[in-house]
PDB file of N, CA and C in Angstrom:
ATOM      1  N   UNK A   1      57.443 -63.160-100.071  1.00  0.00           N
ATOM      2  CA  UNK A   1      58.244 -64.196-100.668  1.00  0.00           C
ATOM      3  C   UNK A   1      59.507 -63.570-101.250  1.00  0.00           C
ATOM      4  N   UNK A   2      60.617 -64.117-100.892  1.00  0.00           N
ATOM      5  CA  UNK A   2      61.900 -63.605-101.367  1.00  0.00           C
ATOM      6  C   UNK A   2      62.412 -64.475-102.508  1.00  0.00           C
ATOM      7  N   UNK A   3      62.904 -63.823-103.531  1.00  0.00           N
ATOM      8  CA  UNK A   3      63.420 -64.534-104.699  1.00  0.00           C
ATOM      9  C   UNK A   3      64.944 -64.476-104.649  1.00  0.00           C
ATOM     10  N   UNK A   4      65.566 -65.620-104.858  1.00  0.00           N
ATOM     11  CA  UNK A   4      67.023 -65.678-104.768  1.00  0.00           C
ATOM     12  C   UNK A   4      67.672 -64.937-105.932  1.00  0.00           C
ATOM     13  N   UNK A   5      68.921 -64.601-105.738  1.00  0.00           N
ATOM     14  CA  UNK A   5      69.678 -63.906-106.776  1.00  0.00           C
ATOM     15  C   UNK A   5      69.823 -64.770-108.025  1.00  0.00           C
ATOM     16  N   UNK A   6      70.007 -66.061-107.853  1.00  0.00           N
ATOM     17  CA  UNK A   6      70.136 -66.967-109.001  1.00  0.00           C
ATOM     18  C   UNK A   6      68.842 -66.998-109.815  1.00  0.00           C
ATOM     19  N   UNK A   7      67.693 -67.035-109.118  1.00  0.00           N
ATOM     20  CA  UNK A   7      66.404 -67.026-109.821  1.00  0.00           C
ATOM     21  C   UNK A   7      66.194 -65.709-110.560  1.00  0.00           C
ATOM     22  N   UNK A   8      66.571 -64.633-109.917  1.00  0.00           N
ATOM     23  CA  UNK A   8      66.438 -63.312-110.538  1.00  0.00           C
ATOM     24  C   UNK A   8      67.339 -63.193-111.764  1.00  0.00           C
ATOM     25  N   UNK A   9      68.564 -63.693-111.657  1.00  0.00           N
ATOM     26  CA  UNK A   9      69.490 -63.660-112.801  1.00  0.00           C
ATOM     27  C   UNK A   9      68.978 -64.529-113.946  1.00  0.00           C
ATOM     28  N   UNK A  10      68.429 -65.688-113.628  1.00  0.00           N
ATOM     29  CA  UNK A  10      67.852 -66.565-114.643  1.00  0.00           C
ATOM     30  C   UNK A  10      66.684 -65.864-115.344  1.00  0.00           C
ATOM     31  N   UNK A  11      65.837 -65.213-114.549  1.00  0.00           N
ATOM     32  CA  UNK A  11      64.684 -64.493-115.104  1.00  0.00           C
ATOM     33  C   UNK A  11      65.145 -63.411-116.079  1.00  0.00           C
ATOM     34  N   UNK A  12      66.095 -62.589-115.673  1.00  0.00           N
ATOM     35  CA  UNK A  12      66.547 -61.496-116.538  1.00  0.00           C
ATOM     36  C   UNK A  12      67.321 -62.008-117.739  1.00  0.00           C
ATOM     37  N   UNK A  13      68.054 -63.113-117.609  1.00  0.00           N
ATOM     38  CA  UNK A  13      68.752 -63.708-118.749  1.00  0.00           C
ATOM     39  C   UNK A  13      67.746 -64.170-119.792  1.00  0.00           C
ATOM     40  N   UNK A  14      66.711 -64.872-119.342  1.00  0.00           N
ATOM     41  CA  UNK A  14      65.684 -65.356-120.266  1.00  0.00           C
ATOM     42  C   UNK A  14      64.896 -64.200-120.883  1.00  0.00           C
ATOM     43  N   UNK A  15      64.569 -63.193-120.079  1.00  0.00           N
ATOM     44  CA  UNK A  15      63.842 -62.038-120.592  1.00  0.00           C
ATOM     45  C   UNK A  15      64.684 -61.280-121.612  1.00  0.00           C
ATOM     46  N   UNK A  16      65.958 -61.078-121.338  1.00  0.00           N
ATOM     47  CA  UNK A  16      66.858 -60.389-122.260  1.00  0.00           C
ATOM     48  C   UNK A  16      67.000 -61.158-123.573  1.00  0.00           C
ATOM     49  N   UNK A  17      67.155 -62.474-123.474  1.00  0.00           N
ATOM     50  CA  UNK A  17      67.270 -63.300-124.674  1.00  0.00           C
ATOM     51  C   UNK A  17      66.008 -63.214-125.530  1.00  0.00           C
ATOM     52  N   UNK A  18      64.856 -63.255-124.890  1.00  0.00           N
ATOM     53  CA  UNK A  18      63.591 -63.142-125.618  1.00  0.00           C
ATOM     54  C   UNK A  18      63.482 -61.786-126.304  1.00  0.00           C
ATOM     55  N   UNK A  19      63.834 -60.732-125.596  1.00  0.00           N
ATOM     56  CA  UNK A  19      63.760 -59.388-126.154  1.00  0.00           C
ATOM     57  C   UNK A  19      64.705 -59.234-127.348  1.00  0.00           C
ATOM     58  N   UNK A  20      65.918 -59.735-127.226  1.00  0.00           N
ATOM     59  CA  UNK A  20      66.880 -59.640-128.334  1.00  0.00           C
ATOM     60  C   UNK A  20      66.374 -60.426-129.535  1.00  0.00           C
ATOM     61  N   UNK A  21      65.842 -61.614-129.308  1.00  0.00           N
ATOM     62  CA  UNK A  21      65.289 -62.418-130.391  1.00  0.00           C
ATOM     63  C   UNK A  21      64.198 -61.655-131.144  1.00  0.00           C
ATOM     64  N   UNK A  22      63.281 -61.040-130.411  1.00  0.00           N
ATOM     65  CA  UNK A  22      62.190 -60.305-131.056  1.00  0.00           C
ATOM     66  C   UNK A  22      62.673 -59.010-131.706  1.00  0.00           C
ATOM     67  N   UNK A  23      63.678 -58.384-131.159  1.00  0.00           N
ATOM     68  CA  UNK A  23      64.236 -57.199-131.809  1.00  0.00           C
ATOM     69  C   UNK A  23      64.919 -57.549-133.126  1.00  0.00           C
ATOM     70  N   UNK A  24      65.553 -58.704-133.192  1.00  0.00           N
ATOM     71  CA  UNK A  24      66.173 -59.151-134.443  1.00  0.00           C
ATOM     72  C   UNK A  24      65.100 -59.396-135.501  1.00  0.00           C
ATOM     73  N   UNK A  25      64.018 -60.068-135.119  1.00  0.00           N
ATOM     74  CA  UNK A  25      62.912 -60.280-136.056  1.00  0.00           C
ATOM     75  C   UNK A  25      62.348 -58.936-136.516  1.00  0.00           C
ATOM     76  N   UNK A  26      62.137 -58.026-135.576  1.00  0.00           N
ATOM     77  CA  UNK A  26      61.620 -56.699-135.918  1.00  0.00           C
ATOM     78  C   UNK A  26      62.552 -56.004-136.905  1.00  0.00           C
ATOM     79  N   UNK A  27      63.861 -56.040-136.653  1.00  0.00           N
ATOM     80  CA  UNK A  27      64.831 -55.398-137.537  1.00  0.00           C
ATOM     81  C   UNK A  27      64.773 -56.003-138.945  1.00  0.00           C
ATOM     82  N   UNK A  28      64.703 -57.312-139.010  1.00  0.00           N
ATOM     83  CA  UNK A  28      64.660 -57.974-140.323  1.00  0.00           C
ATOM     84  C   UNK A  28      63.446 -57.518-141.114  1.00  0.00           C
ATOM     85  N   UNK A  29      62.268 -57.508-140.492  1.00  0.00           N
ATOM     86  CA  UNK A  29      61.060 -57.147-141.226  1.00  0.00           C
ATOM     87  C   UNK A  29      60.884 -55.637-141.371  1.00  0.00           C
ATOM     88  N   UNK A  30      61.591 -54.839-140.590  1.00  0.00           N
ATOM     89  CA  UNK A  30      61.518 -53.386-140.739  1.00  0.00           C
ATOM     90  C   UNK A  30      62.491 -52.856-141.777  1.00  0.00           C
ATOM     91  N   UNK A  31      63.679 -53.443-141.849  1.00  0.00           N
ATOM     92  CA  UNK A  31      64.717 -52.890-142.706  1.00  0.00           C
ATOM     93  C   UNK A  31      65.211 -53.849-143.778  1.00  0.00           C
ATOM     94  N   UNK A  32      65.595 -55.041-143.399  1.00  0.00           N
ATOM     95  CA  UNK A  32      66.244 -55.965-144.331  1.00  0.00           C
ATOM     96  C   UNK A  32      65.314 -56.340-145.481  1.00  0.00           C
ATOM     97  N   UNK A  33      64.077 -56.681-145.168  1.00  0.00           N
ATOM     98  CA  UNK A  33      63.130 -57.047-146.223  1.00  0.00           C
ATOM     99  C   UNK A  33      62.949 -55.893-147.209  1.00  0.00           C
ATOM    100  N   UNK A  34      62.887 -54.680-146.693  1.00  0.00           N
ATOM    101  CA  UNK A  34      62.679 -53.517-147.565  1.00  0.00           C
ATOM    102  C   UNK A  34      63.934 -53.171-148.365  1.00  0.00           C
ATOM    103  N   UNK A  35      65.105 -53.473-147.827  1.00  0.00           N
ATOM    104  CA  UNK A  35      66.339 -53.246-148.585  1.00  0.00           C
ATOM    105  C   UNK A  35      66.376 -54.127-149.834  1.00  0.00           C
ATOM    106  N   UNK A  36      65.790 -55.306-149.718  1.00  0.00           N
ATOM    107  CA  UNK A  36      65.792 -56.248-150.836  1.00  0.00           C
ATOM    108  C   UNK A  36      64.456 -56.256-151.576  1.00  0.00           C
ATOM    109  N   UNK A  37      63.686 -55.196-151.459  1.00  0.00           N
ATOM    110  CA  UNK A  37      62.363 -55.143-152.087  1.00  0.00           C
ATOM    111  C   UNK A  37      62.449 -55.279-153.598  1.00  0.00           C
ATOM    112  N   UNK A  38      63.429 -54.664-154.220  1.00  0.00           N
ATOM    113  CA  UNK A  38      63.520 -54.760-155.681  1.00  0.00           C
ATOM    114  C   UNK A  38      63.764 -56.200-156.123  1.00  0.00           C
ATOM    115  N   UNK A  39      64.587 -56.931-155.389  1.00  0.00           N
ATOM    116  CA  UNK A  39      64.814 -58.339-155.717  1.00  0.00           C
ATOM    117  C   UNK A  39      63.570 -59.171-155.427  1.00  0.00           C
ATOM    118  N   UNK A  40      62.846 -58.807-154.375  1.00  0.00           N
ATOM    119  CA  UNK A  40      61.629 -59.536-154.024  1.00  0.00           C
ATOM    120  C   UNK A  40      60.504 -59.272-155.016  1.00  0.00           C
ATOM    121  N   UNK A  41      60.582 -58.175-155.747  1.00  0.00           N
ATOM    122  CA  UNK A  41      59.527 -57.847-156.709  1.00  0.00           C
ATOM    123  C   UNK A  41      59.489 -58.800-157.893  1.00  0.00           C
ATOM    124  N   UNK A  42      60.471 -59.667-158.018  1.00  0.00           N
ATOM    125  CA  UNK A  42      60.470 -60.668-159.090  1.00  0.00           C
ATOM    126  C   UNK A  42      59.429 -61.762-158.828  1.00  0.00           C
ATOM    127  N   UNK A  43      58.994 -61.881-157.586  1.00  0.00           N
ATOM    128  CA  UNK A  43      58.000 -62.886-157.197  1.00  0.00           C
ATOM    129  C   UNK A  43      56.675 -62.164-156.960  1.00  0.00           C
ATOM    130  N   UNK A  44      55.568 -62.754-157.396  1.00  0.00           N
ATOM    131  CA  UNK A  44      54.247 -62.136-157.216  1.00  0.00           C
ATOM    132  C   UNK A  44      53.418 -62.922-156.209  1.00  0.00           C
ATOM    133  N   UNK A  45      52.656 -62.180-155.389  1.00  0.00           N
ATOM    134  CA  UNK A  45      51.704 -62.752-154.451  1.00  0.00           C
ATOM    135  C   UNK A  45      50.374 -62.058-154.712  1.00  0.00           C
ATOM    136  N   UNK A  46      49.380 -62.803-155.101  1.00  0.00           N
ATOM    137  CA  UNK A  46      48.071 -62.237-155.442  1.00  0.00           C
ATOM    138  C   UNK A  46      48.191 -61.122-156.475  1.00  0.00           C
ATOM    139  N   UNK A  47      49.031 -61.330-157.456  1.00  0.00           N
ATOM    140  CA  UNK A  47      49.299 -60.385-158.543  1.00  0.00           C
ATOM    141  C   UNK A  47      49.948 -59.079-158.076  1.00  0.00           C
ATOM    142  N   UNK A  48      50.483 -59.052-156.879  1.00  0.00           N
ATOM    143  CA  UNK A  48      51.262 -57.913-156.389  1.00  0.00           C
ATOM    144  C   UNK A  48      52.709 -58.361-156.259  1.00  0.00           C
ATOM    145  N   UNK A  49      53.650 -57.497-156.583  1.00  0.00           N
ATOM    146  CA  UNK A  49      55.058 -57.856-156.369  1.00  0.00           C
ATOM    147  C   UNK A  49      55.307 -58.136-154.884  1.00  0.00           C
ATOM    148  N   UNK A  50      56.101 -59.158-154.577  1.00  0.00           N
ATOM    149  CA  UNK A  50      56.333 -59.560-153.190  1.00  0.00           C
ATOM    150  C   UNK A  50      56.945 -58.425-152.365  1.00  0.00           C
ATOM    151  N   UNK A  51      57.842 -57.636-152.956  1.00  0.00           N
ATOM    152  CA  UNK A  51      58.426 -56.498-152.230  1.00  0.00           C
ATOM    153  C   UNK A  51      57.360 -55.506-151.797  1.00  0.00           C
ATOM    154  N   UNK A  52      56.419 -55.204-152.695  1.00  0.00           N
ATOM    155  CA  UNK A  52      55.314 -54.303-152.361  1.00  0.00           C
ATOM    156  C   UNK A  52      54.441 -54.925-151.275  1.00  0.00           C
ATOM    157  N   UNK A  53      54.119 -56.214-151.439  1.00  0.00           N
ATOM    158  CA  UNK A  53      53.264 -56.899-150.481  1.00  0.00           C
ATOM    159  C   UNK A  53      53.888 -56.899-149.086  1.00  0.00           C
ATOM    160  N   UNK A  54      55.200 -57.195-149.012  1.00  0.00           N
ATOM    161  CA  UNK A  54      55.869 -57.217-147.706  1.00  0.00           C
ATOM    162  C   UNK A  54      55.900 -55.834-147.070  1.00  0.00           C
ATOM    163  N   UNK A  55      56.060 -54.805-147.886  1.00  0.00           N
ATOM    164  CA  UNK A  55      56.081 -53.444-147.343  1.00  0.00           C
ATOM    165  C   UNK A  55      54.694 -53.004-146.894  1.00  0.00           C
ATOM    166  N   UNK A  56      53.676 -53.368-147.667  1.00  0.00           N
ATOM    167  CA  UNK A  56      52.332 -52.888-147.379  1.00  0.00           C
ATOM    168  C   UNK A  56      51.588 -53.743-146.359  1.00  0.00           C
ATOM    169  N   UNK A  57      51.751 -55.056-146.415  1.00  0.00           N
ATOM    170  CA  UNK A  57      50.957 -55.930-145.559  1.00  0.00           C
ATOM    171  C   UNK A  57      51.785 -56.911-144.744  1.00  0.00           C
ATOM    172  N   UNK A  58      52.744 -57.542-145.383  1.00  0.00           N
ATOM    173  CA  UNK A  58      53.475 -58.632-144.734  1.00  0.00           C
ATOM    174  C   UNK A  58      54.163 -58.237-143.452  1.00  0.00           C
ATOM    175  N   UNK A  59      54.863 -57.116-143.468  1.00  0.00           N
ATOM    176  CA  UNK A  59      55.566 -56.680-142.263  1.00  0.00           C
ATOM    177  C   UNK A  59      54.592 -56.361-141.138  1.00  0.00           C
ATOM    178  N   UNK A  60      53.479 -55.732-141.465  1.00  0.00           N
ATOM    179  CA  UNK A  60      52.494 -55.396-140.436  1.00  0.00           C
ATOM    180  C   UNK A  60      51.897 -56.650-139.808  1.00  0.00           C
ATOM    181  N   UNK A  61      51.628 -57.647-140.630  1.00  0.00           N
ATOM    182  CA  UNK A  61      51.097 -58.907-140.108  1.00  0.00           C
ATOM    183  C   UNK A  61      52.118 -59.561-139.176  1.00  0.00           C
ATOM    184  N   UNK A  62      53.377 -59.558-139.592  1.00  0.00           N
ATOM    185  CA  UNK A  62      54.438 -60.136-138.756  1.00  0.00           C
ATOM    186  C   UNK A  62      54.532 -59.387-137.428  1.00  0.00           C
ATOM    187  N   UNK A  63      54.421 -58.054-137.446  1.00  0.00           N
ATOM    188  CA  UNK A  63      54.530 -57.275-136.212  1.00  0.00           C
ATOM    189  C   UNK A  63      53.391 -57.607-135.241  1.00  0.00           C
ATOM    190  N   UNK A  64      52.176 -57.752-135.751  1.00  0.00           N
ATOM    191  CA  UNK A  64      51.046 -58.070-134.875  1.00  0.00           C
ATOM    192  C   UNK A  64      51.198 -59.476-134.298  1.00  0.00           C
ATOM    193  N   UNK A  65      51.562 -60.438-135.129  1.00  0.00           N
ATOM    194  CA  UNK A  65      51.776 -61.804-134.644  1.00  0.00           C
ATOM    195  C   UNK A  65      52.918 -61.819-133.636  1.00  0.00           C
ATOM    196  N   UNK A  66      53.972 -61.072-133.923  1.00  0.00           N
ATOM    197  CA  UNK A  66      55.122 -61.013-133.028  1.00  0.00           C
ATOM    198  C   UNK A  66      54.727 -60.425-131.678  1.00  0.00           C
ATOM    199  N   UNK A  67      53.886 -59.421-131.673  1.00  0.00           N
ATOM    200  CA  UNK A  67      53.438 -58.814-130.425  1.00  0.00           C
ATOM    201  C   UNK A  67      52.752 -59.839-129.529  1.00  0.00           C
ATOM    202  N   UNK A  68      51.805 -60.585-130.105  1.00  0.00           N
ATOM    203  CA  UNK A  68      51.094 -61.587-129.318  1.00  0.00           C
ATOM    204  C   UNK A  68      52.030 -62.716-128.882  1.00  0.00           C
ATOM    205  N   UNK A  69      52.946 -63.117-129.745  1.00  0.00           N
ATOM    206  CA  UNK A  69      53.901 -64.170-129.395  1.00  0.00           C
ATOM    207  C   UNK A  69      54.804 -63.717-128.248  1.00  0.00           C
ATOM    208  N   UNK A  70      55.267 -62.472-128.301  1.00  0.00           N
ATOM    209  CA  UNK A  70      56.134 -61.956-127.241  1.00  0.00           C
ATOM    210  C   UNK A  70      55.403 -61.937-125.900  1.00  0.00           C
ATOM    211  N   UNK A  71      54.180 -61.457-125.894  1.00  0.00           N
ATOM    212  CA  UNK A  71      53.414 -61.390-124.643  1.00  0.00           C
ATOM    213  C   UNK A  71      53.207 -62.789-124.070  1.00  0.00           C
ATOM    214  N   UNK A  72      52.860 -63.747-124.931  1.00  0.00           N
ATOM    215  CA  UNK A  72      52.641 -65.112-124.479  1.00  0.00           C
ATOM    216  C   UNK A  72      53.932 -65.712-123.918  1.00  0.00           C
ATOM    217  N   UNK A  73      55.055 -65.518-124.629  1.00  0.00           N
ATOM    218  CA  UNK A  73      56.333 -66.065-124.184  1.00  0.00           C
ATOM    219  C   UNK A  73      56.803 -65.401-122.893  1.00  0.00           C
ATOM    220  N   UNK A  74      56.632 -64.084-122.784  1.00  0.00           N
ATOM    221  CA  UNK A  74      57.072 -63.387-121.573  1.00  0.00           C
ATOM    222  C   UNK A  74      56.214 -63.798-120.383  1.00  0.00           C
ATOM    223  N   UNK A  75      54.918 -63.977-120.590  1.00  0.00           N
ATOM    224  CA  UNK A  75      54.049 -64.430-119.507  1.00  0.00           C
ATOM    225  C   UNK A  75      54.473 -65.814-119.026  1.00  0.00           C
ATOM    226  N   UNK A  76      54.852 -66.680-119.946  1.00  0.00           N
ATOM    227  CA  UNK A  76      55.319 -68.017-119.578  1.00  0.00           C
ATOM    228  C   UNK A  76      56.605 -67.923-118.749  1.00  0.00           C
ATOM    229  N   UNK A  77      57.534 -67.069-119.159  1.00  0.00           N
ATOM    230  CA  UNK A  77      58.771 -66.876-118.393  1.00  0.00           C
ATOM    231  C   UNK A  77      58.446 -66.334-117.006  1.00  0.00           C
ATOM    232  N   UNK A  78      57.538 -65.340-116.940  1.00  0.00           N
ATOM    233  CA  UNK A  78      57.147 -64.763-115.648  1.00  0.00           C
ATOM    234  C   UNK A  78      56.593 -65.826-114.711  1.00  0.00           C
ATOM    235  N   UNK A  79      55.733 -66.684-115.224  1.00  0.00           N
ATOM    236  CA  UNK A  79      55.111 -67.715-114.386  1.00  0.00           C
ATOM    237  C   UNK A  79      56.125 -68.773-113.954  1.00  0.00           C
ATOM    238  N   UNK A  80      57.009 -69.188-114.870  1.00  0.00           N
ATOM    239  CA  UNK A  80      58.004 -70.208-114.532  1.00  0.00           C
ATOM    240  C   UNK A  80      59.015 -69.701-113.502  1.00  0.00           C
ATOM    241  N   UNK A  81      59.287 -68.402-113.522  1.00  0.00           N
ATOM    242  CA  UNK A  81      60.285 -67.838-112.600  1.00  0.00           C
ATOM    243  C   UNK A  81      59.662 -67.228-111.353  1.00  0.00           C
ATOM    244  N   UNK A  82      58.341 -67.326-111.211  1.00  0.00           N
ATOM    245  CA  UNK A  82      57.676 -66.802-110.035  1.00  0.00           C
ATOM    246  C   UNK A  82      57.566 -65.288-110.018  1.00  0.00           C
ATOM    247  N   UNK A  83      57.564 -64.655-111.167  1.00  0.00           N
ATOM    248  CA  UNK A  83      57.481 -63.194-111.238  1.00  0.00           C
ATOM    249  C   UNK A  83      56.144 -62.721-111.794  1.00  0.00           C
ATOM    250  N   UNK A  84      55.201 -63.641-112.004  1.00  0.00           N
ATOM    251  CA  UNK A  84      53.923 -63.287-112.624  1.00  0.00           C
ATOM    252  C   UNK A  84      53.090 -62.409-111.699  1.00  0.00           C
ATOM    253  N   UNK A  85      52.368 -61.498-112.319  1.00  0.00           N
ATOM    254  CA  UNK A  85      51.425 -60.673-111.576  1.00  0.00           C
ATOM    255  C   UNK A  85      50.081 -61.347-111.644  1.00  0.00           C
ATOM    256  N   UNK A  86      49.428 -61.474-110.531  1.00  0.00           N
ATOM    257  CA  UNK A  86      48.126 -62.154-110.517  1.00  0.00           C
ATOM    258  C   UNK A  86      46.998 -61.190-110.722  1.00  0.00           C
TER     259      UNK A  86
END
């Protein structure tokens, strides 16, 4: 089965957009949240300062959820564009 150039370009455009979106989320939870940790420490979650909580648990939870979301979204793109592996 041959895939047209337009379909291939659409596939890579969607894949690139998805990757950039997830990299932005990763950057925010890896760096931006921690840069503002002192300001976030004014709020408490389970008697822990929010900055500490985000550094110790929150970011890790976001990364795991993001991983599963990315795989699910990429699989959907693969199937819609005819690039899925069976």
